[in-house]
Amino acid sequence: MHPSIVPFETLQQLCRPGENPRRATVEAWAKREGILYRYDGKGGIFTTIEAVNVALGVAAANDDRAAYEPDII
């Protein structure tokens, strides 16, 4: 699996640490938190680290700061 993918099992632990919540519970949690996700075809959902960061406010959805050179004089 690609390292930037957050699989269902990880989302379960983020949703309710130490438990194994059902998909419906994890989906409801992801919706409440504003985390975009997709269905994985195995009875779960998945997302990306970037989507989690955006939901947490760590990064903007269209953060284009890297497109500009910092040394403008």
PDB file of N, CA and C in Angstrom:
ATOM      1  N   MET A   1       0.840  -1.176   0.000  1.00  0.00           N
ATOM      2  CA  MET A   1       0.000   0.000   0.000  1.00  0.00           C
ATOM      3  C   MET A   1       0.886   1.241   0.000  1.00  0.00           C
ATOM      4  N   HIS A   2       0.443   2.250  -0.686  1.00  0.00           N
ATOM      5  CA  HIS A   2       1.191   3.505  -0.770  1.00  0.00           C
ATOM      6  C   HIS A   2       1.271   4.154   0.613  1.00  0.00           C
ATOM      7  N   PRO A   3       2.418   4.709   0.983  1.00  0.00           N
ATOM      8  CA  PRO A   3       2.586   5.254   2.333  1.00  0.00           C
ATOM      9  C   PRO A   3       1.682   6.447   2.668  1.00  0.00           C
ATOM     10  N   SER A   4       1.148   7.142   1.669  1.00  0.00           N
ATOM     11  CA  SER A   4       0.280   8.281   1.993  1.00  0.00           C
ATOM     12  C   SER A   4      -1.184   7.867   2.165  1.00  0.00           C
ATOM     13  N   ILE A   5      -1.487   6.584   1.979  1.00  0.00           N
ATOM     14  CA  ILE A   5      -2.847   6.070   2.159  1.00  0.00           C
ATOM     15  C   ILE A   5      -3.058   5.706   3.635  1.00  0.00           C
ATOM     16  N   VAL A   6      -4.195   6.106   4.158  1.00  0.00           N
ATOM     17  CA  VAL A   6      -4.574   5.744   5.529  1.00  0.00           C
ATOM     18  C   VAL A   6      -5.658   4.674   5.411  1.00  0.00           C
ATOM     19  N   PRO A   7      -5.337   3.414   5.738  1.00  0.00           N
ATOM     20  CA  PRO A   7      -6.297   2.327   5.561  1.00  0.00           C
ATOM     21  C   PRO A   7      -7.384   2.324   6.641  1.00  0.00           C
ATOM     22  N   PHE A   8      -8.413   1.528   6.400  1.00  0.00           N
ATOM     23  CA  PHE A   8      -9.551   1.434   7.296  1.00  0.00           C
ATOM     24  C   PHE A   8      -9.146   1.088   8.724  1.00  0.00           C
ATOM     25  N   GLU A   9      -8.230   0.165   8.883  1.00  0.00           N
ATOM     26  CA  GLU A   9      -7.812  -0.257  10.216  1.00  0.00           C
ATOM     27  C   GLU A   9      -7.226   0.909  11.018  1.00  0.00           C
ATOM     28  N   THR A  10      -6.481   1.770  10.357  1.00  0.00           N
ATOM     29  CA  THR A  10      -5.918   2.940  11.022  1.00  0.00           C
ATOM     30  C   THR A  10      -7.013   3.932  11.365  1.00  0.00           C
ATOM     31  N   LEU A  11      -7.966   4.113  10.451  1.00  0.00           N
ATOM     32  CA  LEU A  11      -9.084   5.013  10.731  1.00  0.00           C
ATOM     33  C   LEU A  11      -9.916   4.519  11.913  1.00  0.00           C
ATOM     34  N   GLN A  12     -10.063   3.197  12.023  1.00  0.00           N
ATOM     35  CA  GLN A  12     -10.770   2.638  13.177  1.00  0.00           C
ATOM     36  C   GLN A  12     -10.080   3.045  14.478  1.00  0.00           C
ATOM     37  N   GLN A  13      -8.769   2.960  14.510  1.00  0.00           N
ATOM     38  CA  GLN A  13      -8.024   3.292  15.722  1.00  0.00           C
ATOM     39  C   GLN A  13      -8.033   4.793  16.002  1.00  0.00           C
ATOM     40  N   LEU A  14      -8.060   5.613  14.945  1.00  0.00           N
ATOM     41  CA  LEU A  14      -8.158   7.053  15.146  1.00  0.00           C
ATOM     42  C   LEU A  14      -9.545   7.425  15.669  1.00  0.00           C
ATOM     43  N   CYS A  15     -10.555   6.723  15.181  1.00  0.00           N
ATOM     44  CA  CYS A  15     -11.936   6.980  15.570  1.00  0.00           C
ATOM     45  C   CYS A  15     -12.180   6.596  17.027  1.00  0.00           C
ATOM     46  N   ARG A  16     -11.819   5.385  17.382  1.00  0.00           N
ATOM     47  CA  ARG A  16     -12.013   4.862  18.739  1.00  0.00           C
ATOM     48  C   ARG A  16     -10.810   3.996  19.119  1.00  0.00           C
ATOM     49  N   PRO A  17      -9.789   4.607  19.683  1.00  0.00           N
ATOM     50  CA  PRO A  17      -8.581   3.859  20.042  1.00  0.00           C
ATOM     51  C   PRO A  17      -8.880   2.661  20.952  1.00  0.00           C
ATOM     52  N   GLY A  18      -8.243   1.548  20.623  1.00  0.00           N
ATOM     53  CA  GLY A  18      -8.397   0.338  21.415  1.00  0.00           C
ATOM     54  C   GLY A  18      -9.642  -0.469  21.109  1.00  0.00           C
ATOM     55  N   GLU A  19     -10.464   0.013  20.191  1.00  0.00           N
ATOM     56  CA  GLU A  19     -11.685  -0.701  19.801  1.00  0.00           C
ATOM     57  C   GLU A  19     -11.617  -1.025  18.315  1.00  0.00           C
ATOM     58  N   ASN A  20     -12.595  -1.748  17.826  1.00  0.00           N
ATOM     59  CA  ASN A  20     -12.737  -2.025  16.399  1.00  0.00           C
ATOM     60  C   ASN A  20     -14.132  -1.598  15.953  1.00  0.00           C
ATOM     61  N   PRO A  21     -14.358  -0.274  15.822  1.00  0.00           N
ATOM     62  CA  PRO A  21     -15.689   0.187  15.457  1.00  0.00           C
ATOM     63  C   PRO A  21     -16.092  -0.259  14.052  1.00  0.00           C
ATOM     64  N   ARG A  22     -17.396  -0.374  13.846  1.00  0.00           N
ATOM     65  CA  ARG A  22     -17.927  -0.759  12.537  1.00  0.00           C
ATOM     66  C   ARG A  22     -17.698   0.351  11.515  1.00  0.00           C
ATOM     67  N   ARG A  23     -17.853  -0.017  10.236  1.00  0.00           N
ATOM     68  CA  ARG A  23     -17.653   0.962   9.166  1.00  0.00           C
ATOM     69  C   ARG A  23     -18.579   2.151   9.331  1.00  0.00           C
ATOM     70  N   ALA A  24     -19.846   1.924   9.683  1.00  0.00           N
ATOM     71  CA  ALA A  24     -20.797   3.028   9.838  1.00  0.00           C
ATOM     72  C   ALA A  24     -20.322   4.028  10.890  1.00  0.00           C
ATOM     73  N   THR A  25     -19.738   3.525  11.961  1.00  0.00           N
ATOM     74  CA  THR A  25     -19.231   4.396  13.028  1.00  0.00           C
ATOM     75  C   THR A  25     -18.042   5.197  12.523  1.00  0.00           C
ATOM     76  N   VAL A  26     -17.143   4.544  11.810  1.00  0.00           N
ATOM     77  CA  VAL A  26     -15.955   5.218  11.277  1.00  0.00           C
ATOM     78  C   VAL A  26     -16.365   6.247  10.225  1.00  0.00           C
ATOM     79  N   GLU A  27     -17.328   5.889   9.369  1.00  0.00           N
ATOM     80  CA  GLU A  27     -17.812   6.843   8.365  1.00  0.00           C
ATOM     81  C   GLU A  27     -18.424   8.078   9.015  1.00  0.00           C
ATOM     82  N   ALA A  28     -19.270   7.871  10.022  1.00  0.00           N
ATOM     83  CA  ALA A  28     -19.908   8.992  10.707  1.00  0.00           C
ATOM     84  C   ALA A  28     -18.861   9.894  11.351  1.00  0.00           C
ATOM     85  N   TRP A  29     -17.848   9.288  11.966  1.00  0.00           N
ATOM     86  CA  TRP A  29     -16.759  10.045  12.575  1.00  0.00           C
ATOM     87  C   TRP A  29     -16.006  10.859  11.517  1.00  0.00           C
ATOM     88  N   ALA A  30     -15.669  10.212  10.386  1.00  0.00           N
ATOM     89  CA  ALA A  30     -14.936  10.900   9.316  1.00  0.00           C
ATOM     90  C   ALA A  30     -15.747  12.074   8.772  1.00  0.00           C
ATOM     91  N   LYS A  31     -17.051  11.876   8.606  1.00  0.00           N
ATOM     92  CA  LYS A  31     -17.908  12.978   8.138  1.00  0.00           C
ATOM     93  C   LYS A  31     -17.911  14.122   9.136  1.00  0.00           C
ATOM     94  N   ARG A  32     -18.070  13.812  10.416  1.00  0.00           N
ATOM     95  CA  ARG A  32     -18.066  14.852  11.458  1.00  0.00           C
ATOM     96  C   ARG A  32     -16.764  15.630  11.467  1.00  0.00           C
ATOM     97  N   GLU A  33     -15.660  14.923  11.247  1.00  0.00           N
ATOM     98  CA  GLU A  33     -14.341  15.550  11.272  1.00  0.00           C
ATOM     99  C   GLU A  33     -13.976  16.227   9.953  1.00  0.00           C
ATOM    100  N   GLY A  34     -14.777  16.042   8.919  1.00  0.00           N
ATOM    101  CA  GLY A  34     -14.501  16.649   7.618  1.00  0.00           C
ATOM    102  C   GLY A  34     -13.420  15.954   6.821  1.00  0.00           C
ATOM    103  N   ILE A  35     -13.234  14.667   7.079  1.00  0.00           N
ATOM    104  CA  ILE A  35     -12.205  13.891   6.375  1.00  0.00           C
ATOM    105  C   ILE A  35     -12.822  13.275   5.119  1.00  0.00           C
ATOM    106  N   LEU A  36     -12.282  13.610   3.974  1.00  0.00           N
ATOM    107  CA  LEU A  36     -12.739  13.007   2.723  1.00  0.00           C
ATOM    108  C   LEU A  36     -12.248  11.573   2.658  1.00  0.00           C
ATOM    109  N   TYR A  37     -13.083  10.667   2.166  1.00  0.00           N
ATOM    110  CA  TYR A  37     -12.707   9.255   2.099  1.00  0.00           C
ATOM    111  C   TYR A  37     -13.351   8.586   0.892  1.00  0.00           C
ATOM    112  N   ARG A  38     -12.907   7.383   0.611  1.00  0.00           N
ATOM    113  CA  ARG A  38     -13.445   6.527  -0.447  1.00  0.00           C
ATOM    114  C   ARG A  38     -13.651   5.136   0.136  1.00  0.00           C
ATOM    115  N   TYR A  39     -14.470   4.343  -0.547  1.00  0.00           N
ATOM    116  CA  TYR A  39     -14.698   2.962  -0.126  1.00  0.00           C
ATOM    117  C   TYR A  39     -13.601   2.076  -0.686  1.00  0.00           C
ATOM    118  N   ASP A  40     -13.153   1.109   0.123  1.00  0.00           N
ATOM    119  CA  ASP A  40     -12.023   0.288  -0.298  1.00  0.00           C
ATOM    120  C   ASP A  40     -12.407  -1.014  -0.982  1.00  0.00           C
ATOM    121  N   GLY A  41     -13.686  -1.354  -1.068  1.00  0.00           N
ATOM    122  CA  GLY A  41     -14.108  -2.582  -1.728  1.00  0.00           C
ATOM    123  C   GLY A  41     -13.945  -3.824  -0.863  1.00  0.00           C
ATOM    124  N   LYS A  42     -13.504  -3.648   0.375  1.00  0.00           N
ATOM    125  CA  LYS A  42     -13.329  -4.770   1.293  1.00  0.00           C
ATOM    126  C   LYS A  42     -14.157  -4.563   2.558  1.00  0.00           C
ATOM    127  N   GLY A  43     -15.162  -3.707   2.497  1.00  0.00           N
ATOM    128  CA  GLY A  43     -15.997  -3.461   3.658  1.00  0.00           C
ATOM    129  C   GLY A  43     -15.517  -2.336   4.543  1.00  0.00           C
ATOM    130  N   GLY A  44     -14.680  -1.480   4.016  1.00  0.00           N
ATOM    131  CA  GLY A  44     -14.162  -0.362   4.799  1.00  0.00           C
ATOM    132  C   GLY A  44     -14.008   0.880   3.950  1.00  0.00           C
ATOM    133  N   ILE A  45     -13.356   1.865   4.523  1.00  0.00           N
ATOM    134  CA  ILE A  45     -13.060   3.103   3.809  1.00  0.00           C
ATOM    135  C   ILE A  45     -11.562   3.368   3.937  1.00  0.00           C
ATOM    136  N   PHE A  46     -11.070   4.275   3.112  1.00  0.00           N
ATOM    137  CA  PHE A  46      -9.677   4.707   3.220  1.00  0.00           C
ATOM    138  C   PHE A  46      -9.612   6.178   2.872  1.00  0.00           C
ATOM    139  N   THR A  47      -8.509   6.805   3.211  1.00  0.00           N
ATOM    140  CA  THR A  47      -8.289   8.203   2.884  1.00  0.00           C
ATOM    141  C   THR A  47      -6.791   8.414   2.688  1.00  0.00           C
ATOM    142  N   THR A  48      -6.375   9.654   2.629  1.00  0.00           N
ATOM    143  CA  THR A  48      -4.954   9.970   2.500  1.00  0.00           C
ATOM    144  C   THR A  48      -4.508  10.792   3.705  1.00  0.00           C
ATOM    145  N   ILE A  49      -3.232  10.804   3.942  1.00  0.00           N
ATOM    146  CA  ILE A  49      -2.674  11.637   4.998  1.00  0.00           C
ATOM    147  C   ILE A  49      -2.997  13.097   4.727  1.00  0.00           C
ATOM    148  N   GLU A  50      -2.956  13.495   3.465  1.00  0.00           N
ATOM    149  CA  GLU A  50      -3.256  14.874   3.106  1.00  0.00           C
ATOM    150  C   GLU A  50      -4.681  15.248   3.482  1.00  0.00           C
ATOM    151  N   ALA A  51      -5.647  14.352   3.257  1.00  0.00           N
ATOM    152  CA  ALA A  51      -7.041  14.625   3.611  1.00  0.00           C
ATOM    153  C   ALA A  51      -7.204  14.759   5.121  1.00  0.00           C
ATOM    154  N   VAL A  52      -6.503  13.939   5.876  1.00  0.00           N
ATOM    155  CA  VAL A  52      -6.553  14.035   7.340  1.00  0.00           C
ATOM    156  C   VAL A  52      -5.940  15.355   7.788  1.00  0.00           C
ATOM    157  N   ASN A  53      -4.810  15.737   7.200  1.00  0.00           N
ATOM    158  CA  ASN A  53      -4.164  17.003   7.556  1.00  0.00           C
ATOM    159  C   ASN A  53      -5.063  18.198   7.266  1.00  0.00           C
ATOM    160  N   VAL A  54      -5.746  18.177   6.136  1.00  0.00           N
ATOM    161  CA  VAL A  54      -6.661  19.270   5.802  1.00  0.00           C
ATOM    162  C   VAL A  54      -7.778  19.346   6.832  1.00  0.00           C
ATOM    163  N   ALA A  55      -8.349  18.203   7.198  1.00  0.00           N
ATOM    164  CA  ALA A  55      -9.430  18.176   8.182  1.00  0.00           C
ATOM    165  C   ALA A  55      -8.955  18.671   9.544  1.00  0.00           C
ATOM    166  N   LEU A  56      -7.707  18.391   9.892  1.00  0.00           N
ATOM    167  CA  LEU A  56      -7.149  18.837  11.170  1.00  0.00           C
ATOM    168  C   LEU A  56      -6.711  20.298  11.146  1.00  0.00           C
ATOM    169  N   GLY A  57      -6.686  20.886   9.953  1.00  0.00           N
ATOM    170  CA  GLY A  57      -6.246  22.264   9.834  1.00  0.00           C
ATOM    171  C   GLY A  57      -4.741  22.412   9.746  1.00  0.00           C
ATOM    172  N   VAL A  58      -4.050  21.297   9.521  1.00  0.00           N
ATOM    173  CA  VAL A  58      -2.598  21.319   9.418  1.00  0.00           C
ATOM    174  C   VAL A  58      -2.155  21.831   8.053  1.00  0.00           C
ATOM    175  N   ALA A  59      -2.987  21.598   7.034  1.00  0.00           N
ATOM    176  CA  ALA A  59      -2.680  22.044   5.675  1.00  0.00           C
ATOM    177  C   ALA A  59      -3.970  22.495   5.013  1.00  0.00           C
ATOM    178  N   ALA A  60      -3.871  23.478   4.166  1.00  0.00           N
ATOM    179  CA  ALA A  60      -5.042  23.955   3.426  1.00  0.00           C
ATOM    180  C   ALA A  60      -5.318  23.032   2.256  1.00  0.00           C
ATOM    181  N   ALA A  61      -6.568  22.983   1.813  1.00  0.00           N
ATOM    182  CA  ALA A  61      -6.944  22.110   0.709  1.00  0.00           C
ATOM    183  C   ALA A  61      -6.172  22.451  -0.565  1.00  0.00           C
ATOM    184  N   ASN A  62      -5.922  23.733  -0.801  1.00  0.00           N
ATOM    185  CA  ASN A  62      -5.178  24.155  -1.985  1.00  0.00           C
ATOM    186  C   ASN A  62      -3.969  24.970  -1.565  1.00  0.00           C
ATOM    187  N   ASP A  63      -3.146  24.373  -0.746  1.00  0.00           N
ATOM    188  CA  ASP A  63      -1.967  25.052  -0.235  1.00  0.00           C
ATOM    189  C   ASP A  63      -0.922  25.141  -1.341  1.00  0.00           C
ATOM    190  N   ASP A  64      -0.780  26.337  -1.930  1.00  0.00           N
ATOM    191  CA  ASP A  64       0.176  26.498  -3.029  1.00  0.00           C
ATOM    192  C   ASP A  64       1.369  27.353  -2.629  1.00  0.00           C
ATOM    193  N   ARG A  65       1.673  27.398  -1.336  1.00  0.00           N
ATOM    194  CA  ARG A  65       2.817  28.186  -0.891  1.00  0.00           C
ATOM    195  C   ARG A  65       4.119  27.707  -1.512  1.00  0.00           C
ATOM    196  N   ALA A  66       4.232  26.425  -1.794  1.00  0.00           N
ATOM    197  CA  ALA A  66       5.460  25.887  -2.372  1.00  0.00           C
ATOM    198  C   ALA A  66       5.675  26.382  -3.796  1.00  0.00           C
ATOM    199  N   ALA A  67       4.632  26.912  -4.435  1.00  0.00           N
ATOM    200  CA  ALA A  67       4.752  27.380  -5.817  1.00  0.00           C
ATOM    201  C   ALA A  67       5.479  28.720  -5.903  1.00  0.00           C
ATOM    202  N   TYR A  68       5.666  29.413  -4.780  1.00  0.00           N
ATOM    203  CA  TYR A  68       6.298  30.713  -4.771  1.00  0.00           C
ATOM    204  C   TYR A  68       7.673  30.650  -4.124  1.00  0.00           C
ATOM    205  N   GLU A  69       8.604  31.298  -4.737  1.00  0.00           N
ATOM    206  CA  GLU A  69       9.957  31.349  -4.205  1.00  0.00           C
ATOM    207  C   GLU A  69       9.994  32.319  -3.023  1.00  0.00           C
ATOM    208  N   PRO A  70      10.573  31.927  -1.909  1.00  0.00           N
ATOM    209  CA  PRO A  70      10.585  32.779  -0.716  1.00  0.00           C
ATOM    210  C   PRO A  70      11.557  33.970  -0.796  1.00  0.00           C
ATOM    211  N   ASP A  71      12.480  33.932  -1.733  1.00  0.00           N
ATOM    212  CA  ASP A  71      13.487  34.982  -1.788  1.00  0.00           C
ATOM    213  C   ASP A  71      13.146  36.052  -2.843  1.00  0.00           C
ATOM    214  N   ILE A  72      11.933  36.548  -2.797  1.00  0.00           N
ATOM    215  CA  ILE A  72      11.546  37.662  -3.678  1.00  0.00           C
ATOM    216  C   ILE A  72      12.049  38.948  -3.030  1.00  0.00           C
ATOM    217  N   ILE A  73      12.781  39.724  -3.820  1.00  0.00           N
ATOM    218  CA  ILE A  73      13.370  40.972  -3.273  1.00  0.00           C
ATOM    219  C   ILE A  73      12.653  42.163  -3.824  1.00  0.00           C
TER     220      ILE A  73
END
